[in-house]
Amino acid sequence: MNKGELVKAIAADAGLTQKEAGLALDSFINAVAADLKEGNKVTIPGFGTFEVKKR
């Protein structure tokens, strides 16, 4: 699934327009990225955990 397909799925499931769903997805991605940049770990139960690791 790519971003466009995810936007369509969110729009259909939530009763939003594709533009609104795209904005919501972008907002989610930006919020996760901002928290990761601060060195925090983001956990979404039932979905996954995101964290920055140094290799």
C-alpha atoms as a PDB file:
ATOM      1  CA  MET A   1       0.000   0.000   0.000  1.00  0.00           C
ATOM      2  CA  ASN A   2       1.352   3.423  -0.873  1.00  0.00           C
ATOM      3  CA  LYS A   3       0.431   6.804   0.599  1.00  0.00           C
ATOM      4  CA  GLY A   4      -2.281   7.494  -1.992  1.00  0.00           C
ATOM      5  CA  GLU A   5      -3.956   4.172  -1.321  1.00  0.00           C
ATOM      6  CA  LEU A   6      -3.751   4.781   2.421  1.00  0.00           C
ATOM      7  CA  VAL A   7      -5.377   8.201   2.005  1.00  0.00           C
ATOM      8  CA  LYS A   8      -8.229   6.642   0.013  1.00  0.00           C
ATOM      9  CA  ALA A   9      -8.721   3.949   2.667  1.00  0.00           C
ATOM     10  CA  ILE A  10      -8.759   6.510   5.497  1.00  0.00           C
ATOM     11  CA  ALA A  11     -11.212   8.703   3.587  1.00  0.00           C
ATOM     12  CA  ALA A  12     -13.577   5.815   2.949  1.00  0.00           C
ATOM     13  CA  ASP A  13     -13.393   4.478   6.509  1.00  0.00           C
ATOM     14  CA  ALA A  14     -13.746   7.838   8.270  1.00  0.00           C
ATOM     15  CA  GLY A  15     -16.228   9.465   5.882  1.00  0.00           C
ATOM     16  CA  LEU A  16     -13.766  12.182   4.917  1.00  0.00           C
ATOM     17  CA  THR A  17     -12.777  13.657   1.604  1.00  0.00           C
ATOM     18  CA  GLN A  18      -9.455  12.490   0.241  1.00  0.00           C
ATOM     19  CA  LYS A  19      -8.063  15.979   0.856  1.00  0.00           C
ATOM     20  CA  GLU A  20      -9.112  15.867   4.523  1.00  0.00           C
ATOM     21  CA  ALA A  21      -7.739  12.344   4.919  1.00  0.00           C
ATOM     22  CA  GLY A  22      -4.465  13.428   3.311  1.00  0.00           C
ATOM     23  CA  LEU A  23      -4.167  16.342   5.722  1.00  0.00           C
ATOM     24  CA  ALA A  24      -4.888  14.049   8.678  1.00  0.00           C
ATOM     25  CA  LEU A  25      -2.269  11.541   7.529  1.00  0.00           C
ATOM     26  CA  ASP A  26       0.307  14.289   6.974  1.00  0.00           C
ATOM     27  CA  SER A  27      -0.441  15.640  10.441  1.00  0.00           C
ATOM     28  CA  PHE A  28       0.069  12.172  11.952  1.00  0.00           C
ATOM     29  CA  ILE A  29       3.368  11.698  10.122  1.00  0.00           C
ATOM     30  CA  ASN A  30       4.592  15.154  11.156  1.00  0.00           C
ATOM     31  CA  ALA A  31       3.673  14.578  14.802  1.00  0.00           C
ATOM     32  CA  VAL A  32       5.480  11.225  14.894  1.00  0.00           C
ATOM     33  CA  ALA A  33       8.531  12.653  13.116  1.00  0.00           C
ATOM     34  CA  ALA A  34       8.703  15.648  15.479  1.00  0.00           C
ATOM     35  CA  ASP A  35       8.592  13.393  18.536  1.00  0.00           C
ATOM     36  CA  LEU A  36      11.261  11.111  17.088  1.00  0.00           C
ATOM     37  CA  LYS A  37      13.501  14.121  16.376  1.00  0.00           C
ATOM     38  CA  GLU A  38      13.277  14.991  20.076  1.00  0.00           C
ATOM     39  CA  GLY A  39      14.581  11.521  20.881  1.00  0.00           C
ATOM     40  CA  ASN A  40      11.261  10.153  22.104  1.00  0.00           C
ATOM     41  CA  LYS A  41       9.747   6.769  21.384  1.00  0.00           C
ATOM     42  CA  VAL A  42       6.247   6.659  19.849  1.00  0.00           C
ATOM     43  CA  THR A  43       4.069   3.662  20.695  1.00  0.00           C
ATOM     44  CA  ILE A  44       0.671   3.084  19.121  1.00  0.00           C
ATOM     45  CA  PRO A  45      -0.940  -0.016  20.653  1.00  0.00           C
ATOM     46  CA  GLY A  46      -2.110  -2.461  18.020  1.00  0.00           C
ATOM     47  CA  PHE A  47      -0.007  -0.778  15.340  1.00  0.00           C
ATOM     48  CA  GLY A  48       3.642  -0.481  16.272  1.00  0.00           C
ATOM     49  CA  THR A  49       6.480   1.302  17.983  1.00  0.00           C
ATOM     50  CA  PHE A  50       8.710   3.892  16.370  1.00  0.00           C
ATOM     51  CA  GLU A  51      12.086   4.897  17.718  1.00  0.00           C
ATOM     52  CA  VAL A  52      15.357   6.207  16.414  1.00  0.00           C
ATOM     53  CA  LYS A  53      18.308   3.903  16.839  1.00  0.00           C
ATOM     54  CA  LYS A  54      21.931   4.596  16.168  1.00  0.00           C
ATOM     55  CA  ARG A  55      23.804   1.992  14.137  1.00  0.00           C
END
